[in-house]
Structure formats: C-alpha cells, structure tokens
C-alpha cells in the first residue's frame, strides 16, 4: 500500500498556561499507509484527534470552535516513510487575539 506524509493545521485550541487560558494553533505531521490520498487524510486526522495533548484543550460553547484542517497530503517513498513514521510531534504556536 502507498505511504503518505500528511500535514494538518489546528486553530482555536485553548490551554491553561501559567493559570491563564490562552489560544493556540498547531501544525502536525503524520506518516501513514493508505489506499489513496483521501484515506491518508482521514487516517491522519483520526490519529491527531486521539493525541493526549489535544484532550487537555478547554472548550466553552461561547468560544470559537476548534478546527483541524488538512493542509497537504504527499505520497512518499517507503524509505522516507520508515525514517519518519514514528514522528508524532505536534508543534503549537500562540494565536493572536486581535
């Protein structure tokens, strides 16, 4: 089965930092095996949503809903897949409030 690198972007995730809620976005890369690019995107989205760190995010109905968007799907060769498949890091960055 083909191997893919999938890049996802998240927005509007609130986390407690130093006792204060702050809004963050993130970039996540996942390396997956799938039949086609569409399936690769779905698998990567499921993997990111299951990340323990995202389960710590706070949510209130009055806030802007958090969103995870598919940014890119690229077919990669098997060697690159083997070298990268364990990469599960999510890179967070603060989002501007205004």
PDB file of N, CA and C in Angstrom:
ATOM      1  N   UNK A   1       0.845  -1.184   0.000  1.00  0.00           N
ATOM      2  CA  UNK A   1       0.000   0.000   0.000  1.00  0.00           C
ATOM      3  C   UNK A   1       0.888   1.244   0.000  1.00  0.00           C
ATOM      4  N   UNK A   2       0.439   2.311  -0.640  1.00  0.00           N
ATOM      5  CA  UNK A   2       1.223   3.551  -0.688  1.00  0.00           C
ATOM      6  C   UNK A   2       1.411   4.181   0.697  1.00  0.00           C
ATOM      7  N   UNK A   3       2.495   4.958   0.802  1.00  0.00           N
ATOM      8  CA  UNK A   3       2.840   5.674   2.037  1.00  0.00           C
ATOM      9  C   UNK A   3       2.659   7.168   1.791  1.00  0.00           C
ATOM     10  N   UNK A   4       2.178   7.891   2.827  1.00  0.00           N
ATOM     11  CA  UNK A   4       1.899   9.316   2.677  1.00  0.00           C
ATOM     12  C   UNK A   4       2.400  10.127   3.862  1.00  0.00           C
ATOM     13  N   UNK A   5       2.798  11.359   3.573  1.00  0.00           N
ATOM     14  CA  UNK A   5       3.063  12.364   4.600  1.00  0.00           C
ATOM     15  C   UNK A   5       1.857  13.303   4.575  1.00  0.00           C
ATOM     16  N   UNK A   6       1.242  13.492   5.738  1.00  0.00           N
ATOM     17  CA  UNK A   6       0.053  14.339   5.836  1.00  0.00           C
ATOM     18  C   UNK A   6       0.350  15.468   6.805  1.00  0.00           C
ATOM     19  N   UNK A   7       0.028  16.694   6.399  1.00  0.00           N
ATOM     20  CA  UNK A   7       0.201  17.870   7.252  1.00  0.00           C
ATOM     21  C   UNK A   7      -1.183  18.410   7.605  1.00  0.00           C
ATOM     22  N   UNK A   8      -1.396  18.610   8.913  1.00  0.00           N
ATOM     23  CA  UNK A   8      -2.670  19.141   9.417  1.00  0.00           C
ATOM     24  C   UNK A   8      -2.406  20.417  10.206  1.00  0.00           C
ATOM     25  N   UNK A   9      -3.356  21.357  10.154  1.00  0.00           N
ATOM     26  CA  UNK A   9      -3.288  22.595  10.938  1.00  0.00           C
ATOM     27  C   UNK A   9      -4.502  22.671  11.846  1.00  0.00           C
ATOM     28  N   UNK A  10      -4.251  23.040  13.091  1.00  0.00           N
ATOM     29  CA  UNK A  10      -5.327  23.226  14.055  1.00  0.00           C
ATOM     30  C   UNK A  10      -5.396  24.682  14.479  1.00  0.00           C
ATOM     31  N   UNK A  11      -6.607  25.155  14.779  1.00  0.00           N
ATOM     32  CA  UNK A  11      -6.822  26.535  15.224  1.00  0.00           C
ATOM     33  C   UNK A  11      -7.832  26.548  16.356  1.00  0.00           C
ATOM     34  N   UNK A  12      -7.717  27.561  17.209  1.00  0.00           N
ATOM     35  CA  UNK A  12      -8.689  27.826  18.285  1.00  0.00           C
ATOM     36  C   UNK A  12      -8.692  26.767  19.381  1.00  0.00           C
ATOM     37  N   UNK A  13      -7.512  26.310  19.775  1.00  0.00           N
ATOM     38  CA  UNK A  13      -7.402  25.367  20.881  1.00  0.00           C
ATOM     39  C   UNK A  13      -6.951  26.135  22.124  1.00  0.00           C
ATOM     40  N   UNK A  14      -7.729  26.051  23.188  1.00  0.00           N
ATOM     41  CA  UNK A  14      -7.430  26.773  24.421  1.00  0.00           C
ATOM     42  C   UNK A  14      -6.806  25.833  25.443  1.00  0.00           C
ATOM     43  N   UNK A  15      -5.672  26.280  25.989  1.00  0.00           N
ATOM     44  CA  UNK A  15      -4.959  25.520  27.018  1.00  0.00           C
ATOM     45  C   UNK A  15      -4.622  26.449  28.173  1.00  0.00           C
ATOM     46  N   UNK A  16      -4.545  25.876  29.351  1.00  0.00           N
ATOM     47  CA  UNK A  16      -4.134  26.634  30.525  1.00  0.00           C
ATOM     48  C   UNK A  16      -2.617  26.720  30.533  1.00  0.00           C
ATOM     49  N   UNK A  17      -2.113  27.951  30.620  1.00  0.00           N
ATOM     50  CA  UNK A  17      -0.673  28.169  30.689  1.00  0.00           C
ATOM     51  C   UNK A  17      -0.410  29.177  31.800  1.00  0.00           C
ATOM     52  N   UNK A  18       0.303  28.750  32.821  1.00  0.00           N
ATOM     53  CA  UNK A  18       0.571  29.597  33.991  1.00  0.00           C
ATOM     54  C   UNK A  18      -0.728  30.086  34.624  1.00  0.00           C
ATOM     55  N   UNK A  19      -1.738  29.218  34.662  1.00  0.00           N
ATOM     56  CA  UNK A  19      -3.005  29.546  35.296  1.00  0.00           C
ATOM     57  C   UNK A  19      -3.920  30.420  34.447  1.00  0.00           C
ATOM     58  N   UNK A  20      -3.532  30.701  33.237  1.00  0.00           N
ATOM     59  CA  UNK A  20      -4.327  31.562  32.347  1.00  0.00           C
ATOM     60  C   UNK A  20      -4.642  30.803  31.062  1.00  0.00           C
ATOM     61  N   UNK A  21      -5.887  30.930  30.571  1.00  0.00           N
ATOM     62  CA  UNK A  21      -6.246  30.280  29.315  1.00  0.00           C
ATOM     63  C   UNK A  21      -5.712  31.092  28.149  1.00  0.00           C
ATOM     64  N   UNK A  22      -5.047  30.383  27.234  1.00  0.00           N
ATOM     65  CA  UNK A  22      -4.512  31.019  26.038  1.00  0.00           C
ATOM     66  C   UNK A  22      -4.903  30.201  24.820  1.00  0.00           C
ATOM     67  N   UNK A  23      -5.056  30.896  23.708  1.00  0.00           N
ATOM     68  CA  UNK A  23      -5.467  30.242  22.458  1.00  0.00           C
ATOM     69  C   UNK A  23      -4.226  29.877  21.640  1.00  0.00           C
ATOM     70  N   UNK A  24      -4.223  28.631  21.150  1.00  0.00           N
ATOM     71  CA  UNK A  24      -3.103  28.123  20.368  1.00  0.00           C
ATOM     72  C   UNK A  24      -3.589  27.503  19.065  1.00  0.00           C
ATOM     73  N   UNK A  25      -2.700  27.515  18.108  1.00  0.00           N
ATOM     74  CA  UNK A  25      -2.870  26.761  16.879  1.00  0.00           C
ATOM     75  C   UNK A  25      -1.757  25.726  16.844  1.00  0.00           C
ATOM     76  N   UNK A  26      -1.797  24.835  15.875  1.00  0.00           N
ATOM     77  CA  UNK A  26      -0.728  23.841  15.771  1.00  0.00           C
ATOM     78  C   UNK A  26      -0.558  23.346  14.350  1.00  0.00           C
ATOM     79  N   UNK A  27       0.603  22.751  14.129  1.00  0.00           N
ATOM     80  CA  UNK A  27       0.897  22.046  12.886  1.00  0.00           C
ATOM     81  C   UNK A  27       1.297  20.629  13.289  1.00  0.00           C
ATOM     82  N   UNK A  28       0.707  19.643  12.653  1.00  0.00           N
ATOM     83  CA  UNK A  28       1.018  18.247  12.945  1.00  0.00           C
ATOM     84  C   UNK A  28       1.315  17.519  11.642  1.00  0.00           C
ATOM     85  N   UNK A  29       2.312  16.673  11.687  1.00  0.00           N
ATOM     86  CA  UNK A  29       2.647  15.836  10.533  1.00  0.00           C
ATOM     87  C   UNK A  29       2.471  14.382  10.934  1.00  0.00           C
ATOM     88  N   UNK A  30       1.848  13.632  10.072  1.00  0.00           N
ATOM     89  CA  UNK A  30       1.681  12.200  10.311  1.00  0.00           C
ATOM     90  C   UNK A  30       2.094  11.452   9.048  1.00  0.00           C
ATOM     91  N   UNK A  31       2.711  10.311   9.252  1.00  0.00           N
ATOM     92  CA  UNK A  31       3.139   9.456   8.161  1.00  0.00           C
ATOM     93  C   UNK A  31       2.296   8.196   8.232  1.00  0.00           C
ATOM     94  N   UNK A  32       1.497   7.962   7.184  1.00  0.00           N
ATOM     95  CA  UNK A  32       0.513   6.885   7.221  1.00  0.00           C
ATOM     96  C   UNK A  32       0.568   6.041   5.957  1.00  0.00           C
ATOM     97  N   UNK A  33       0.040   4.830   6.082  1.00  0.00           N
ATOM     98  CA  UNK A  33      -0.157   3.928   4.954  1.00  0.00           C
ATOM     99  C   UNK A  33      -1.642   3.958   4.621  1.00  0.00           C
ATOM    100  N   UNK A  34      -1.960   4.153   3.350  1.00  0.00           N
ATOM    101  CA  UNK A  34      -3.368   4.227   2.947  1.00  0.00           C
ATOM    102  C   UNK A  34      -3.502   3.868   1.465  1.00  0.00           C
ATOM    103  N   UNK A  35      -4.739   3.593   1.056  1.00  0.00           N
ATOM    104  CA  UNK A  35      -5.005   3.235  -0.343  1.00  0.00           C
ATOM    105  C   UNK A  35      -4.850   4.426  -1.281  1.00  0.00           C
ATOM    106  N   UNK A  36      -5.200   5.635  -0.770  1.00  0.00           N
ATOM    107  CA  UNK A  36      -5.183   6.832  -1.612  1.00  0.00           C
ATOM    108  C   UNK A  36      -5.025   8.072  -0.719  1.00  0.00           C
ATOM    109  N   UNK A  37      -4.809   9.241  -1.322  1.00  0.00           N
ATOM    110  CA  UNK A  37      -4.613  10.457  -0.533  1.00  0.00           C
ATOM    111  C   UNK A  37      -5.805  10.810   0.373  1.00  0.00           C
ATOM    112  N   UNK A  38      -7.018  10.556  -0.084  1.00  0.00           N
ATOM    113  CA  UNK A  38      -8.203  10.872   0.724  1.00  0.00           C
ATOM    114  C   UNK A  38      -8.228  10.040   2.007  1.00  0.00           C
ATOM    115  N   UNK A  39      -7.948   8.760   1.865  1.00  0.00           N
ATOM    116  CA  UNK A  39      -7.910   7.887   3.036  1.00  0.00           C
ATOM    117  C   UNK A  39      -6.753   8.285   3.961  1.00  0.00           C
ATOM    118  N   UNK A  40      -5.624   8.666   3.392  1.00  0.00           N
ATOM    119  CA  UNK A  40      -4.474   9.099   4.196  1.00  0.00           C
ATOM    120  C   UNK A  40      -4.844  10.302   5.058  1.00  0.00           C
ATOM    121  N   UNK A  41      -5.571  11.253   4.478  1.00  0.00           N
ATOM    122  CA  UNK A  41      -6.006  12.429   5.231  1.00  0.00           C
ATOM    123  C   UNK A  41      -6.929  12.055   6.377  1.00  0.00           C
ATOM    124  N   UNK A  42      -7.855  11.142   6.129  1.00  0.00           N
ATOM    125  CA  UNK A  42      -8.788  10.711   7.175  1.00  0.00           C
ATOM    126  C   UNK A  42      -8.065   9.989   8.314  1.00  0.00           C
ATOM    127  N   UNK A  43      -7.127   9.112   7.969  1.00  0.00           N
ATOM    128  CA  UNK A  43      -6.378   8.379   8.984  1.00  0.00           C
ATOM    129  C   UNK A  43      -5.551   9.341   9.835  1.00  0.00           C
ATOM    130  N   UNK A  44      -4.866  10.277   9.191  1.00  0.00           N
ATOM    131  CA  UNK A  44      -4.049  11.248   9.922  1.00  0.00           C
ATOM    132  C   UNK A  44      -4.913  12.102  10.852  1.00  0.00           C
ATOM    133  N   UNK A  45      -6.082  12.509  10.392  1.00  0.00           N
ATOM    134  CA  UNK A  45      -6.990  13.309  11.219  1.00  0.00           C
ATOM    135  C   UNK A  45      -7.415  12.534  12.462  1.00  0.00           C
ATOM    136  N   UNK A  46      -7.736  11.278  12.302  1.00  0.00           N
ATOM    137  CA  UNK A  46      -8.110  10.433  13.450  1.00  0.00           C
ATOM    138  C   UNK A  46      -6.944  10.333  14.434  1.00  0.00           C
ATOM    139  N   UNK A  47      -5.739  10.110  13.920  1.00  0.00           N
ATOM    140  CA  UNK A  47      -4.566   9.986  14.784  1.00  0.00           C
ATOM    141  C   UNK A  47      -4.320  11.268  15.584  1.00  0.00           C
ATOM    142  N   UNK A  48      -4.440  12.403  14.926  1.00  0.00           N
ATOM    143  CA  UNK A  48      -4.205  13.678  15.620  1.00  0.00           C
ATOM    144  C   UNK A  48      -5.301  13.933  16.645  1.00  0.00           C
ATOM    145  N   UNK A  49      -6.544  13.682  16.301  1.00  0.00           N
ATOM    146  CA  UNK A  49      -7.640  13.893  17.260  1.00  0.00           C
ATOM    147  C   UNK A  49      -7.494  13.020  18.507  1.00  0.00           C
ATOM    148  N   UNK A  50      -6.832  11.890  18.382  1.00  0.00           N
ATOM    149  CA  UNK A  50      -6.631  10.989  19.518  1.00  0.00           C
ATOM    150  C   UNK A  50      -5.412  11.356  20.365  1.00  0.00           C
ATOM    151  N   UNK A  51      -4.688  12.391  19.987  1.00  0.00           N
ATOM    152  CA  UNK A  51      -3.497  12.800  20.736  1.00  0.00           C
ATOM    153  C   UNK A  51      -3.869  13.223  22.151  1.00  0.00           C
ATOM    154  N   UNK A  52      -3.188  12.682  23.154  1.00  0.00           N
ATOM    155  CA  UNK A  52      -3.500  13.031  24.545  1.00  0.00           C
ATOM    156  C   UNK A  52      -3.436  14.535  24.832  1.00  0.00           C
ATOM    157  N   UNK A  53      -2.502  15.238  24.223  1.00  0.00           N
ATOM    158  CA  UNK A  53      -2.378  16.677  24.490  1.00  0.00           C
ATOM    159  C   UNK A  53      -3.624  17.443  24.039  1.00  0.00           C
ATOM    160  N   UNK A  54      -4.246  17.022  22.955  1.00  0.00           N
ATOM    161  CA  UNK A  54      -5.451  17.724  22.481  1.00  0.00           C
ATOM    162  C   UNK A  54      -6.638  17.469  23.393  1.00  0.00           C
ATOM    163  N   UNK A  55      -6.616  16.369  24.112  1.00  0.00           N
ATOM    164  CA  UNK A  55      -7.697  16.081  25.059  1.00  0.00           C
ATOM    165  C   UNK A  55      -7.642  17.009  26.266  1.00  0.00           C
ATOM    166  N   UNK A  56      -6.509  17.686  26.458  1.00  0.00           N
ATOM    167  CA  UNK A  56      -6.367  18.654  27.546  1.00  0.00           C
ATOM    168  C   UNK A  56      -6.923  20.031  27.188  1.00  0.00           C
ATOM    169  N   UNK A  57      -7.267  20.232  25.923  1.00  0.00           N
ATOM    170  CA  UNK A  57      -7.790  21.533  25.484  1.00  0.00           C
ATOM    171  C   UNK A  57      -9.117  21.821  26.173  1.00  0.00           C
ATOM    172  N   UNK A  58      -9.336  23.094  26.496  1.00  0.00           N
ATOM    173  CA  UNK A  58     -10.579  23.539  27.132  1.00  0.00           C
ATOM    174  C   UNK A  58     -11.521  24.040  26.052  1.00  0.00           C
ATOM    175  N   UNK A  59     -12.812  23.919  26.323  1.00  0.00           N
ATOM    176  CA  UNK A  59     -13.800  24.379  25.348  1.00  0.00           C
ATOM    177  C   UNK A  59     -15.043  24.890  26.060  1.00  0.00           C
ATOM    178  N   UNK A  60     -15.504  26.044  25.624  1.00  0.00           N
ATOM    179  CA  UNK A  60     -16.768  26.624  26.092  1.00  0.00           C
ATOM    180  C   UNK A  60     -17.624  26.898  24.856  1.00  0.00           C
ATOM    181  N   UNK A  61     -18.923  26.720  24.989  1.00  0.00           N
ATOM    182  CA  UNK A  61     -19.832  26.917  23.846  1.00  0.00           C
ATOM    183  C   UNK A  61     -19.717  28.313  23.238  1.00  0.00           C
ATOM    184  N   UNK A  62     -19.393  29.320  24.049  1.00  0.00           N
ATOM    185  CA  UNK A  62     -19.343  30.700  23.553  1.00  0.00           C
ATOM    186  C   UNK A  62     -18.052  31.004  22.789  1.00  0.00           C
ATOM    187  N   UNK A  63     -17.057  30.111  22.832  1.00  0.00           N
ATOM    188  CA  UNK A  63     -15.792  30.351  22.150  1.00  0.00           C
ATOM    189  C   UNK A  63     -15.866  29.876  20.706  1.00  0.00           C
ATOM    190  N   UNK A  64     -14.954  30.384  19.914  1.00  0.00           N
ATOM    191  CA  UNK A  64     -14.832  29.913  18.538  1.00  0.00           C
ATOM    192  C   UNK A  64     -14.429  28.439  18.574  1.00  0.00           C
ATOM    193  N   UNK A  65     -15.146  27.631  17.817  1.00  0.00           N
ATOM    194  CA  UNK A  65     -14.906  26.180  17.850  1.00  0.00           C
ATOM    195  C   UNK A  65     -13.514  25.841  17.312  1.00  0.00           C
ATOM    196  N   UNK A  66     -12.851  24.868  17.953  1.00  0.00           N
ATOM    197  CA  UNK A  66     -11.561  24.420  17.422  1.00  0.00           C
ATOM    198  C   UNK A  66     -11.757  23.712  16.081  1.00  0.00           C
ATOM    199  N   UNK A  67     -10.770  23.872  15.218  1.00  0.00           N
ATOM    200  CA  UNK A  67     -10.832  23.311  13.872  1.00  0.00           C
ATOM    201  C   UNK A  67      -9.501  22.645  13.551  1.00  0.00           C
ATOM    202  N   UNK A  68      -9.572  21.501  12.883  1.00  0.00           N
ATOM    203  CA  UNK A  68      -8.370  20.859  12.345  1.00  0.00           C
ATOM    204  C   UNK A  68      -8.587  20.723  10.843  1.00  0.00           C
ATOM    205  N   UNK A  69      -7.651  21.295  10.081  1.00  0.00           N
ATOM    206  CA  UNK A  69      -7.762  21.287   8.623  1.00  0.00           C
ATOM    207  C   UNK A  69      -6.621  20.492   7.991  1.00  0.00           C
ATOM    208  N   UNK A  70      -6.954  19.820   6.925  1.00  0.00           N
ATOM    209  CA  UNK A  70      -5.962  19.107   6.126  1.00  0.00           C
ATOM    210  C   UNK A  70      -5.233  20.144   5.272  1.00  0.00           C
ATOM    211  N   UNK A  71      -3.922  20.222   5.422  1.00  0.00           N
ATOM    212  CA  UNK A  71      -3.156  21.197   4.657  1.00  0.00           C
ATOM    213  C   UNK A  71      -2.468  20.574   3.442  1.00  0.00           C
ATOM    214  N   UNK A  72      -1.937  19.369   3.603  1.00  0.00           N
ATOM    215  CA  UNK A  72      -1.236  18.732   2.480  1.00  0.00           C
ATOM    216  C   UNK A  72      -1.175  17.222   2.669  1.00  0.00           C
ATOM    217  N   UNK A  73      -1.217  16.521   1.538  1.00  0.00           N
ATOM    218  CA  UNK A  73      -1.013  15.071   1.507  1.00  0.00           C
ATOM    219  C   UNK A  73      -0.035  14.812   0.371  1.00  0.00           C
ATOM    220  N   UNK A  74       1.050  14.127   0.704  1.00  0.00           N
ATOM    221  CA  UNK A  74       2.074  13.851  -0.309  1.00  0.00           C
ATOM    222  C   UNK A  74       2.471  12.385  -0.241  1.00  0.00           C
ATOM    223  N   UNK A  75       2.462  11.733  -1.385  1.00  0.00           N
ATOM    224  CA  UNK A  75       2.924  10.346  -1.456  1.00  0.00           C
ATOM    225  C   UNK A  75       4.445  10.358  -1.301  1.00  0.00           C
ATOM    226  N   UNK A  76       4.959   9.460  -0.458  1.00  0.00           N
ATOM    227  CA  UNK A  76       6.405   9.402  -0.221  1.00  0.00           C
ATOM    228  C   UNK A  76       6.921   7.986  -0.465  1.00  0.00           C
ATOM    229  N   UNK A  77       8.230   7.887  -0.633  1.00  0.00           N
ATOM    230  CA  UNK A  77       8.791   6.561  -0.889  1.00  0.00           C
ATOM    231  C   UNK A  77       8.898   5.778   0.421  1.00  0.00           C
ATOM    232  N   UNK A  78       8.952   4.452   0.330  1.00  0.00           N
ATOM    233  CA  UNK A  78       8.971   3.600   1.530  1.00  0.00           C
ATOM    234  C   UNK A  78      10.144   3.871   2.476  1.00  0.00           C
ATOM    235  N   UNK A  79      11.289   4.251   1.951  1.00  0.00           N
ATOM    236  CA  UNK A  79      12.451   4.524   2.810  1.00  0.00           C
ATOM    237  C   UNK A  79      12.171   5.766   3.657  1.00  0.00           C
ATOM    238  N   UNK A  80      11.679   6.830   3.031  1.00  0.00           N
ATOM    239  CA  UNK A  80      11.344   8.047   3.776  1.00  0.00           C
ATOM    240  C   UNK A  80      10.280   7.736   4.831  1.00  0.00           C
ATOM    241  N   UNK A  81       9.329   6.894   4.488  1.00  0.00           N
ATOM    242  CA  UNK A  81       8.281   6.512   5.436  1.00  0.00           C
ATOM    243  C   UNK A  81       8.890   5.818   6.655  1.00  0.00           C
ATOM    244  N   UNK A  82       9.772   4.879   6.429  1.00  0.00           N
ATOM    245  CA  UNK A  82      10.395   4.148   7.538  1.00  0.00           C
ATOM    246  C   UNK A  82      11.206   5.075   8.440  1.00  0.00           C
ATOM    247  N   UNK A  83      11.851   6.068   7.855  1.00  0.00           N
ATOM    248  CA  UNK A  83      12.657   7.009   8.638  1.00  0.00           C
ATOM    249  C   UNK A  83      11.803   7.980   9.453  1.00  0.00           C
ATOM    250  N   UNK A  84      10.580   8.244   9.008  1.00  0.00           N
ATOM    251  CA  UNK A  84       9.760   9.279   9.627  1.00  0.00           C
ATOM    252  C   UNK A  84       8.519   8.783  10.348  1.00  0.00           C
ATOM    253  N   UNK A  85       8.124   7.534  10.171  1.00  0.00           N
ATOM    254  CA  UNK A  85       6.813   7.085  10.636  1.00  0.00           C
ATOM    255  C   UNK A  85       6.592   7.239  12.137  1.00  0.00           C
ATOM    256  N   UNK A  86       7.642   7.272  12.933  1.00  0.00           N
ATOM    257  CA  UNK A  86       7.457   7.416  14.381  1.00  0.00           C
ATOM    258  C   UNK A  86       7.313   8.871  14.808  1.00  0.00           C
ATOM    259  N   UNK A  87       7.453   9.794  13.878  1.00  0.00           N
ATOM    260  CA  UNK A  87       7.329  11.223  14.189  1.00  0.00           C
ATOM    261  C   UNK A  87       5.875  11.552  14.506  1.00  0.00           C
ATOM    262  N   UNK A  88       5.593  11.888  15.761  1.00  0.00           N
ATOM    263  CA  UNK A  88       4.220  12.165  16.181  1.00  0.00           C
ATOM    264  C   UNK A  88       4.114  13.511  16.884  1.00  0.00           C
ATOM    265  N   UNK A  89       5.062  14.363  16.666  1.00  0.00           N
ATOM    266  CA  UNK A  89       5.103  15.652  17.339  1.00  0.00           C
ATOM    267  C   UNK A  89       4.016  16.594  16.803  1.00  0.00           C
ATOM    268  N   UNK A  90       3.467  17.387  17.709  1.00  0.00           N
ATOM    269  CA  UNK A  90       2.550  18.454  17.333  1.00  0.00           C
ATOM    270  C   UNK A  90       3.227  19.763  17.740  1.00  0.00           C
ATOM    271  N   UNK A  91       3.438  20.650  16.803  1.00  0.00           N
ATOM    272  CA  UNK A  91       4.080  21.947  17.081  1.00  0.00           C
ATOM    273  C   UNK A  91       3.006  23.003  17.328  1.00  0.00           C
ATOM    274  N   UNK A  92       2.943  23.496  18.568  1.00  0.00           N
ATOM    275  CA  UNK A  92       1.970  24.512  18.938  1.00  0.00           C
ATOM    276  C   UNK A  92       2.557  25.902  18.815  1.00  0.00           C
ATOM    277  N   UNK A  93       1.708  26.888  18.528  1.00  0.00           N
ATOM    278  CA  UNK A  93       2.101  28.293  18.497  1.00  0.00           C
ATOM    279  C   UNK A  93       0.935  29.127  19.019  1.00  0.00           C
ATOM    280  N   UNK A  94       1.233  30.243  19.709  1.00  0.00           N
ATOM    281  CA  UNK A  94       0.155  31.098  20.209  1.00  0.00           C
ATOM    282  C   UNK A  94      -0.560  31.785  19.062  1.00  0.00           C
ATOM    283  N   UNK A  95      -1.875  31.900  19.150  1.00  0.00           N
ATOM    284  CA  UNK A  95      -2.644  32.615  18.131  1.00  0.00           C
ATOM    285  C   UNK A  95      -2.924  34.021  18.646  1.00  0.00           C
ATOM    286  N   UNK A  96      -2.873  34.981  17.735  1.00  0.00           N
ATOM    287  CA  UNK A  96      -3.169  36.371  18.103  1.00  0.00           C
ATOM    288  C   UNK A  96      -4.635  36.518  18.462  1.00  0.00           C
ATOM    289  N   UNK A  97      -4.898  37.303  19.481  1.00  0.00           N
ATOM    290  CA  UNK A  97      -6.277  37.506  19.935  1.00  0.00           C
ATOM    291  C   UNK A  97      -6.958  38.683  19.239  1.00  0.00           C
ATOM    292  N   UNK A  98      -6.249  39.452  18.486  1.00  0.00           N
ATOM    293  CA  UNK A  98      -6.953  40.588  17.972  1.00  0.00           C
ATOM    294  C   UNK A  98      -6.558  41.036  16.650  1.00  0.00           C
TER     295      UNK A  98
END
